[in-house]
Amino acid sequence: MTITEPQRIAIMQLWGRVCKERGWKTSDKMLRLAKFSELLGRPLASTNDVERLDECTKLMSGLKCLLGISVRAGLEVADPTLNQARVLRNTILTDLVPCLELYIADVAGFMAAIMEDKNRWWKIERPARGMTLMDLDAKPVIRTDRTTGELREFPSQLKQMLFTLSARLNEKRKSAGDSVHDMRTRAGLVCACARCQNPRSNLVVPAVSAVDPDLESSIQADPDLGAAVPVESECPY
């Protein structure tokens, strides 16, 4: 999936700031695509080709590093799994937990029990506290395959947690006789079924601020450039 309009706007806002600081022209499309390609490690034909999740944050982190405004951005450039972990935690907390709360009284305890069992929390030296999502990461798990005896890459701790919670939720939904539409509607979430094919939001994009005349003047010349909005601290996925 490619970036959304709000993501593209946030990226272009950061690029405008980088150009100002370095004396580059924001209207130089070839320079922009060359720098974006360098930061992502693959050639781009357009800013709109940036992938929505991992690449969006990777690109924004790289631009922040050029500006020298974020220590965490530098860390995420070096370790992309930090962003992946944030995305997975967000998906669990905002998409799965509200649905689980329809069928489980203590969702936090339910999740903690699964995490502790999967990761042998009490069999390694840890503080005497329950496990949380922040204790899981998005790094691939490398271990010996019991069948072949060879090292094999398995999904990360957070991906395994996402898969397990999704499976448990599906079981409980079916036992309750709910459709996916019924479940998501009751949980107050957007449903993507055929009956609910409405836009997720009606975003109104503000006009370009006259504070940045270079960015404003180049919009007409380059369709990749758009109205500028304040930069989000993270990729607005």
C-alpha atoms as a PDB file:
ATOM      1  CA  MET A   1       0.000   0.000   0.000  1.00  0.00           C
ATOM      2  CA  THR A   2       1.290   3.413  -0.939  1.00  0.00           C
ATOM      3  CA  ILE A   3       1.181   6.474   1.307  1.00  0.00           C
ATOM      4  CA  THR A   4      -2.001   8.345   2.069  1.00  0.00           C
ATOM      5  CA  GLU A   5      -2.522  12.034   1.347  1.00  0.00           C
ATOM      6  CA  PRO A   6      -1.804  13.122   4.967  1.00  0.00           C
ATOM      7  CA  GLN A   7       1.421  11.075   4.905  1.00  0.00           C
ATOM      8  CA  ARG A   8       2.523  12.611   1.608  1.00  0.00           C
ATOM      9  CA  ILE A   9       1.822  16.095   2.936  1.00  0.00           C
ATOM     10  CA  ALA A  10       3.844  15.464   6.101  1.00  0.00           C
ATOM     11  CA  ILE A  11       6.771  14.143   4.041  1.00  0.00           C
ATOM     12  CA  MET A  12       6.713  17.153   1.724  1.00  0.00           C
ATOM     13  CA  GLN A  13       6.591  19.537   4.688  1.00  0.00           C
ATOM     14  CA  LEU A  14       9.749  17.952   6.103  1.00  0.00           C
ATOM     15  CA  TRP A  15      11.412  18.041   2.675  1.00  0.00           C
ATOM     16  CA  GLY A  16      10.639  21.759   2.407  1.00  0.00           C
ATOM     17  CA  ARG A  17      12.417  22.362   5.715  1.00  0.00           C
ATOM     18  CA  VAL A  18      15.427  20.303   4.614  1.00  0.00           C
ATOM     19  CA  CYS A  19      15.644  22.311   1.374  1.00  0.00           C
ATOM     20  CA  LYS A  20      15.535  25.600   3.260  1.00  0.00           C
ATOM     21  CA  GLU A  21      18.305  24.557   5.608  1.00  0.00           C
ATOM     22  CA  ARG A  22      20.575  23.225   2.862  1.00  0.00           C
ATOM     23  CA  GLY A  23      19.846  25.835   0.214  1.00  0.00           C
ATOM     24  CA  TRP A  24      18.215  23.385  -2.194  1.00  0.00           C
ATOM     25  CA  LYS A  25      15.307  24.196  -4.486  1.00  0.00           C
ATOM     26  CA  THR A  26      12.067  22.526  -3.455  1.00  0.00           C
ATOM     27  CA  SER A  27      11.046  22.583  -7.109  1.00  0.00           C
ATOM     28  CA  ASP A  28      13.945  20.274  -8.080  1.00  0.00           C
ATOM     29  CA  LYS A  29      12.028  17.027  -8.458  1.00  0.00           C
ATOM     30  CA  MET A  30      15.050  14.994  -9.601  1.00  0.00           C
ATOM     31  CA  LEU A  31      16.998  16.002  -6.480  1.00  0.00           C
ATOM     32  CA  ARG A  32      14.059  15.144  -4.238  1.00  0.00           C
ATOM     33  CA  LEU A  33      13.540  11.709  -5.770  1.00  0.00           C
ATOM     34  CA  ALA A  34      17.288  11.020  -5.664  1.00  0.00           C
ATOM     35  CA  LYS A  35      17.467  11.879  -1.943  1.00  0.00           C
ATOM     36  CA  PHE A  36      14.289   9.944  -1.127  1.00  0.00           C
ATOM     37  CA  SER A  37      15.623   6.929  -3.062  1.00  0.00           C
ATOM     38  CA  GLU A  38      18.915   7.175  -1.169  1.00  0.00           C
ATOM     39  CA  LEU A  39      17.147   7.263   2.195  1.00  0.00           C
ATOM     40  CA  LEU A  40      14.900   4.305   1.335  1.00  0.00           C
ATOM     41  CA  GLY A  41      17.563   2.252  -0.438  1.00  0.00           C
ATOM     42  CA  ARG A  42      15.545   1.762  -3.609  1.00  0.00           C
ATOM     43  CA  PRO A  43      14.730   3.890  -6.694  1.00  0.00           C
ATOM     44  CA  LEU A  44      11.528   5.948  -6.656  1.00  0.00           C
ATOM     45  CA  ALA A  45       9.687   7.352  -9.659  1.00  0.00           C
ATOM     46  CA  SER A  46       7.390   9.444  -7.468  1.00  0.00           C
ATOM     47  CA  THR A  47       6.905  10.367  -3.822  1.00  0.00           C
ATOM     48  CA  ASN A  48       3.554   8.607  -4.054  1.00  0.00           C
ATOM     49  CA  ASP A  49       5.413   5.287  -4.519  1.00  0.00           C
ATOM     50  CA  VAL A  50       6.556   5.338  -0.869  1.00  0.00           C
ATOM     51  CA  GLU A  51       5.040   2.432   1.063  1.00  0.00           C
ATOM     52  CA  ARG A  52       2.487   3.445   3.708  1.00  0.00           C
ATOM     53  CA  LEU A  53       3.953   1.887   6.850  1.00  0.00           C
ATOM     54  CA  ASP A  54       7.644   1.048   7.119  1.00  0.00           C
ATOM     55  CA  GLU A  55       8.900   3.270   4.303  1.00  0.00           C
ATOM     56  CA  CYS A  56       6.879   6.304   5.335  1.00  0.00           C
ATOM     57  CA  THR A  57       8.418   6.418   8.797  1.00  0.00           C
ATOM     58  CA  LYS A  58      11.856   5.443   7.480  1.00  0.00           C
ATOM     59  CA  LEU A  59      11.782   8.354   5.039  1.00  0.00           C
ATOM     60  CA  MET A  60      10.514  10.831   7.629  1.00  0.00           C
ATOM     61  CA  SER A  61      13.139   9.649  10.110  1.00  0.00           C
ATOM     62  CA  GLY A  62      15.838  10.128   7.484  1.00  0.00           C
ATOM     63  CA  LEU A  63      14.653  13.654   6.745  1.00  0.00           C
ATOM     64  CA  LYS A  64      14.611  14.463  10.468  1.00  0.00           C
ATOM     65  CA  CYS A  65      18.188  13.204  10.694  1.00  0.00           C
ATOM     66  CA  LEU A  66      19.140  15.616   7.901  1.00  0.00           C
ATOM     67  CA  LEU A  67      17.578  18.368   9.993  1.00  0.00           C
ATOM     68  CA  GLY A  68      19.198  17.092  13.189  1.00  0.00           C
ATOM     69  CA  ILE A  69      15.934  17.429  15.126  1.00  0.00           C
ATOM     70  CA  SER A  70      15.317  13.920  16.437  1.00  0.00           C
ATOM     71  CA  VAL A  71      17.584  11.471  18.231  1.00  0.00           C
ATOM     72  CA  ARG A  72      14.897   8.791  18.026  1.00  0.00           C
ATOM     73  CA  ALA A  73      14.677   9.306  14.259  1.00  0.00           C
ATOM     74  CA  GLY A  74      18.351   8.383  14.042  1.00  0.00           C
ATOM     75  CA  LEU A  75      17.729   5.236  16.034  1.00  0.00           C
ATOM     76  CA  GLU A  76      14.841   4.227  13.772  1.00  0.00           C
ATOM     77  CA  VAL A  77      16.939   4.749  10.642  1.00  0.00           C
ATOM     78  CA  ALA A  78      19.483   2.310  12.096  1.00  0.00           C
ATOM     79  CA  ASP A  79      16.831  -0.140  13.319  1.00  0.00           C
ATOM     80  CA  PRO A  80      13.604  -0.224  11.220  1.00  0.00           C
ATOM     81  CA  THR A  81      12.054  -2.772  13.604  1.00  0.00           C
ATOM     82  CA  LEU A  82      11.451   0.068  16.096  1.00  0.00           C
ATOM     83  CA  ASN A  83       8.858   1.519  13.747  1.00  0.00           C
ATOM     84  CA  GLN A  84       7.442  -1.906  12.932  1.00  0.00           C
ATOM     85  CA  ALA A  85       6.988  -2.531  16.654  1.00  0.00           C
ATOM     86  CA  ARG A  86       5.108   0.745  17.094  1.00  0.00           C
ATOM     87  CA  VAL A  87       2.810  -0.074  14.171  1.00  0.00           C
ATOM     88  CA  LEU A  88       2.069  -3.574  15.494  1.00  0.00           C
ATOM     89  CA  ARG A  89       1.376  -2.325  19.020  1.00  0.00           C
ATOM     90  CA  ASN A  90      -0.931   0.329  17.602  1.00  0.00           C
ATOM     91  CA  THR A  91      -2.824  -2.291  15.584  1.00  0.00           C
ATOM     92  CA  ILE A  92      -3.268  -4.520  18.631  1.00  0.00           C
ATOM     93  CA  LEU A  93      -4.373  -1.700  20.929  1.00  0.00           C
ATOM     94  CA  THR A  94      -6.680   0.144  18.530  1.00  0.00           C
ATOM     95  CA  ASP A  95      -8.045  -2.650  16.338  1.00  0.00           C
ATOM     96  CA  LEU A  96      -8.040  -5.876  18.382  1.00  0.00           C
ATOM     97  CA  VAL A  97      -8.416  -4.786  22.017  1.00  0.00           C
ATOM     98  CA  PRO A  98     -11.749  -2.925  21.504  1.00  0.00           C
ATOM     99  CA  CYS A  99     -13.173  -6.098  19.925  1.00  0.00           C
ATOM    100  CA  LEU A 100     -11.746  -8.396  22.589  1.00  0.00           C
ATOM    101  CA  GLU A 101     -13.390  -6.244  25.259  1.00  0.00           C
ATOM    102  CA  LEU A 102     -16.778  -7.334  23.879  1.00  0.00           C
ATOM    103  CA  TYR A 103     -16.098 -10.939  24.881  1.00  0.00           C
ATOM    104  CA  ILE A 104     -13.493 -10.825  27.667  1.00  0.00           C
ATOM    105  CA  ALA A 105     -13.856  -9.062  31.027  1.00  0.00           C
ATOM    106  CA  ASP A 106     -10.125  -8.656  31.713  1.00  0.00           C
ATOM    107  CA  VAL A 107      -8.414  -8.140  28.368  1.00  0.00           C
ATOM    108  CA  ALA A 108      -5.166  -6.899  29.949  1.00  0.00           C
ATOM    109  CA  GLY A 109      -4.895 -10.050  32.052  1.00  0.00           C
ATOM    110  CA  PHE A 110      -5.853 -12.222  29.070  1.00  0.00           C
ATOM    111  CA  MET A 111      -3.098 -10.676  26.941  1.00  0.00           C
ATOM    112  CA  ALA A 112      -0.520 -10.838  29.726  1.00  0.00           C
ATOM    113  CA  ALA A 113      -1.160 -14.557  30.217  1.00  0.00           C
ATOM    114  CA  ILE A 114      -0.603 -15.234  26.503  1.00  0.00           C
ATOM    115  CA  MET A 115       2.585 -13.143  26.369  1.00  0.00           C
ATOM    116  CA  GLU A 116       4.060 -14.685  29.505  1.00  0.00           C
ATOM    117  CA  ASP A 117       3.345 -18.206  28.317  1.00  0.00           C
ATOM    118  CA  LYS A 118       4.737 -17.641  24.817  1.00  0.00           C
ATOM    119  CA  ASN A 119       7.898 -15.925  26.013  1.00  0.00           C
ATOM    120  CA  ARG A 120       8.606 -17.950  29.177  1.00  0.00           C
ATOM    121  CA  TRP A 121       8.513 -14.703  31.168  1.00  0.00           C
ATOM    122  CA  TRP A 122       8.799 -16.300  34.595  1.00  0.00           C
ATOM    123  CA  LYS A 123      11.554 -18.742  33.582  1.00  0.00           C
ATOM    124  CA  ILE A 124      14.088 -16.032  32.844  1.00  0.00           C
ATOM    125  CA  GLU A 125      15.409 -13.403  35.206  1.00  0.00           C
ATOM    126  CA  ARG A 126      12.812 -10.616  35.123  1.00  0.00           C
ATOM    127  CA  PRO A 127      11.327  -8.186  37.652  1.00  0.00           C
ATOM    128  CA  ALA A 128       8.306  -9.494  39.540  1.00  0.00           C
ATOM    129  CA  ARG A 129       5.750  -7.783  37.316  1.00  0.00           C
ATOM    130  CA  GLY A 130       3.362  -8.721  34.581  1.00  0.00           C
ATOM    131  CA  MET A 131       4.421  -8.641  30.944  1.00  0.00           C
ATOM    132  CA  THR A 132       3.193  -5.872  28.609  1.00  0.00           C
ATOM    133  CA  LEU A 133       3.328  -5.183  24.870  1.00  0.00           C
ATOM    134  CA  MET A 134       6.309  -2.892  25.470  1.00  0.00           C
ATOM    135  CA  ASP A 135       8.305  -5.978  26.469  1.00  0.00           C
ATOM    136  CA  LEU A 136       7.825  -7.446  22.980  1.00  0.00           C
ATOM    137  CA  ASP A 137       9.755  -6.368  19.891  1.00  0.00           C
ATOM    138  CA  ALA A 138       9.431  -6.687  16.116  1.00  0.00           C
ATOM    139  CA  LYS A 139      12.750  -8.403  15.483  1.00  0.00           C
ATOM    140  CA  PRO A 140      12.492 -11.748  13.657  1.00  0.00           C
ATOM    141  CA  VAL A 141      12.958 -14.734  15.963  1.00  0.00           C
ATOM    142  CA  ILE A 142      15.798 -17.027  14.911  1.00  0.00           C
ATOM    143  CA  ARG A 143      15.705 -20.526  16.343  1.00  0.00           C
ATOM    144  CA  THR A 144      16.280 -24.152  15.424  1.00  0.00           C
ATOM    145  CA  ASP A 145      13.567 -25.822  13.378  1.00  0.00           C
ATOM    146  CA  ARG A 146      12.551 -28.972  15.261  1.00  0.00           C
ATOM    147  CA  THR A 147      11.842 -30.792  11.991  1.00  0.00           C
ATOM    148  CA  THR A 148      15.021 -30.030  10.041  1.00  0.00           C
ATOM    149  CA  GLY A 149      17.403 -29.117  12.870  1.00  0.00           C
ATOM    150  CA  GLU A 150      18.448 -26.018  10.933  1.00  0.00           C
ATOM    151  CA  LEU A 151      18.206 -22.375  11.969  1.00  0.00           C
ATOM    152  CA  ARG A 152      15.046 -20.744  10.707  1.00  0.00           C
ATOM    153  CA  GLU A 153      13.513 -17.282  10.850  1.00  0.00           C
ATOM    154  CA  PHE A 154      10.121 -17.088  12.586  1.00  0.00           C
ATOM    155  CA  PRO A 155       7.750 -14.113  12.999  1.00  0.00           C
ATOM    156  CA  SER A 156       8.678 -11.556  15.656  1.00  0.00           C
ATOM    157  CA  GLN A 157       7.240 -11.592  19.171  1.00  0.00           C
ATOM    158  CA  LEU A 158       4.749  -8.838  18.292  1.00  0.00           C
ATOM    159  CA  LYS A 159       3.655 -10.512  15.043  1.00  0.00           C
ATOM    160  CA  GLN A 160       3.125 -13.787  16.896  1.00  0.00           C
ATOM    161  CA  MET A 161       1.053 -11.913  19.479  1.00  0.00           C
ATOM    162  CA  LEU A 162      -0.996 -10.262  16.725  1.00  0.00           C
ATOM    163  CA  PHE A 163      -1.649 -13.627  15.039  1.00  0.00           C
ATOM    164  CA  THR A 164      -2.602 -15.312  18.315  1.00  0.00           C
ATOM    165  CA  LEU A 165      -4.964 -12.535  19.428  1.00  0.00           C
ATOM    166  CA  SER A 166      -6.604 -12.456  15.988  1.00  0.00           C
ATOM    167  CA  ALA A 167      -7.208 -16.218  16.124  1.00  0.00           C
ATOM    168  CA  ARG A 168      -8.599 -16.100  19.683  1.00  0.00           C
ATOM    169  CA  LEU A 169     -10.844 -13.157  18.776  1.00  0.00           C
ATOM    170  CA  ASN A 170     -12.177 -14.977  15.726  1.00  0.00           C
ATOM    171  CA  GLU A 171     -13.035 -18.008  17.855  1.00  0.00           C
ATOM    172  CA  LYS A 172     -14.897 -15.916  20.426  1.00  0.00           C
ATOM    173  CA  ARG A 173     -16.724 -13.942  17.741  1.00  0.00           C
ATOM    174  CA  LYS A 174     -17.976 -17.129  16.080  1.00  0.00           C
ATOM    175  CA  SER A 175     -19.006 -18.637  19.421  1.00  0.00           C
ATOM    176  CA  ALA A 176     -21.071 -15.519  20.134  1.00  0.00           C
ATOM    177  CA  GLY A 177     -22.719 -15.761  16.724  1.00  0.00           C
ATOM    178  CA  ASP A 178     -21.492 -12.324  15.630  1.00  0.00           C
ATOM    179  CA  SER A 179     -20.499 -11.326  12.128  1.00  0.00           C
ATOM    180  CA  VAL A 180     -17.368  -9.249  11.618  1.00  0.00           C
ATOM    181  CA  HIS A 181     -19.644  -6.288  10.848  1.00  0.00           C
ATOM    182  CA  ASP A 182     -21.600  -6.742  14.080  1.00  0.00           C
ATOM    183  CA  MET A 183     -18.437  -7.072  16.148  1.00  0.00           C
ATOM    184  CA  ARG A 184     -16.655  -4.032  14.729  1.00  0.00           C
ATOM    185  CA  THR A 185     -19.773  -1.887  14.858  1.00  0.00           C
ATOM    186  CA  ARG A 186     -20.385  -2.758  18.508  1.00  0.00           C
ATOM    187  CA  ALA A 187     -16.736  -2.033  19.273  1.00  0.00           C
ATOM    188  CA  GLY A 188     -17.032   1.413  17.691  1.00  0.00           C
ATOM    189  CA  LEU A 189     -14.567   0.623  14.891  1.00  0.00           C
ATOM    190  CA  VAL A 190     -14.745   1.289  11.165  1.00  0.00           C
ATOM    191  CA  CYS A 191     -15.976  -1.766   9.275  1.00  0.00           C
ATOM    192  CA  ALA A 192     -14.670  -2.513   5.773  1.00  0.00           C
ATOM    193  CA  CYS A 193     -17.417  -4.956   4.768  1.00  0.00           C
ATOM    194  CA  ALA A 194     -19.481  -4.410   1.608  1.00  0.00           C
ATOM    195  CA  ARG A 195     -22.203  -2.677   3.631  1.00  0.00           C
ATOM    196  CA  CYS A 196     -19.778  -0.147   5.038  1.00  0.00           C
ATOM    197  CA  GLN A 197     -17.699   0.972   2.063  1.00  0.00           C
ATOM    198  CA  ASN A 198     -17.505   4.599   3.146  1.00  0.00           C
ATOM    199  CA  PRO A 199     -14.349   6.707   3.369  1.00  0.00           C
ATOM    200  CA  ARG A 200     -12.565   6.294   6.702  1.00  0.00           C
ATOM    201  CA  SER A 201     -12.508  10.069   7.104  1.00  0.00           C
ATOM    202  CA  ASN A 202     -13.191  13.290   5.280  1.00  0.00           C
ATOM    203  CA  LEU A 203      -9.897  15.020   5.692  1.00  0.00           C
ATOM    204  CA  VAL A 204      -9.806  18.693   4.816  1.00  0.00           C
ATOM    205  CA  VAL A 205      -6.332  19.690   3.671  1.00  0.00           C
ATOM    206  CA  PRO A 206      -5.460  23.264   4.605  1.00  0.00           C
ATOM    207  CA  ALA A 207      -3.960  25.636   2.097  1.00  0.00           C
ATOM    208  CA  VAL A 208      -0.225  26.274   1.897  1.00  0.00           C
ATOM    209  CA  SER A 209       1.056  28.778   4.387  1.00  0.00           C
ATOM    210  CA  ALA A 210       2.576  31.885   2.884  1.00  0.00           C
ATOM    211  CA  VAL A 211       5.384  31.483   5.444  1.00  0.00           C
ATOM    212  CA  ASP A 212       7.139  29.174   2.973  1.00  0.00           C
ATOM    213  CA  PRO A 213       7.051  30.892  -0.443  1.00  0.00           C
ATOM    214  CA  ASP A 214       9.513  28.443  -2.019  1.00  0.00           C
ATOM    215  CA  LEU A 215       7.262  25.486  -1.257  1.00  0.00           C
ATOM    216  CA  GLU A 216       4.152  27.413  -2.263  1.00  0.00           C
ATOM    217  CA  SER A 217       5.548  28.550  -5.612  1.00  0.00           C
ATOM    218  CA  SER A 218       6.640  25.046  -6.632  1.00  0.00           C
ATOM    219  CA  ILE A 219       3.293  23.327  -6.096  1.00  0.00           C
ATOM    220  CA  GLN A 220       1.972  24.225  -9.534  1.00  0.00           C
ATOM    221  CA  ALA A 221       5.110  22.864 -11.205  1.00  0.00           C
ATOM    222  CA  ASP A 222       5.154  19.493  -9.437  1.00  0.00           C
ATOM    223  CA  PRO A 223       2.051  17.355  -8.733  1.00  0.00           C
ATOM    224  CA  ASP A 224       3.926  15.500  -5.987  1.00  0.00           C
ATOM    225  CA  LEU A 225       3.991  18.680  -3.935  1.00  0.00           C
ATOM    226  CA  GLY A 226       0.901  19.488  -1.920  1.00  0.00           C
ATOM    227  CA  ALA A 227      -0.488  21.724   0.754  1.00  0.00           C
ATOM    228  CA  ALA A 228       1.715  21.935   3.810  1.00  0.00           C
ATOM    229  CA  VAL A 229       0.545  20.969   7.266  1.00  0.00           C
ATOM    230  CA  PRO A 230       2.449  20.839  10.573  1.00  0.00           C
ATOM    231  CA  VAL A 231       4.789  17.852  10.681  1.00  0.00           C
ATOM    232  CA  GLU A 232       3.601  14.970  12.813  1.00  0.00           C
ATOM    233  CA  SER A 233       6.064  13.574  15.324  1.00  0.00           C
ATOM    234  CA  GLU A 234       5.606  10.172  13.684  1.00  0.00           C
ATOM    235  CA  CYS A 235       4.398   8.900  10.345  1.00  0.00           C
ATOM    236  CA  PRO A 236       0.592   9.502  10.305  1.00  0.00           C
ATOM    237  CA  TYR A 237      -0.368   5.974   9.378  1.00  0.00           C
END
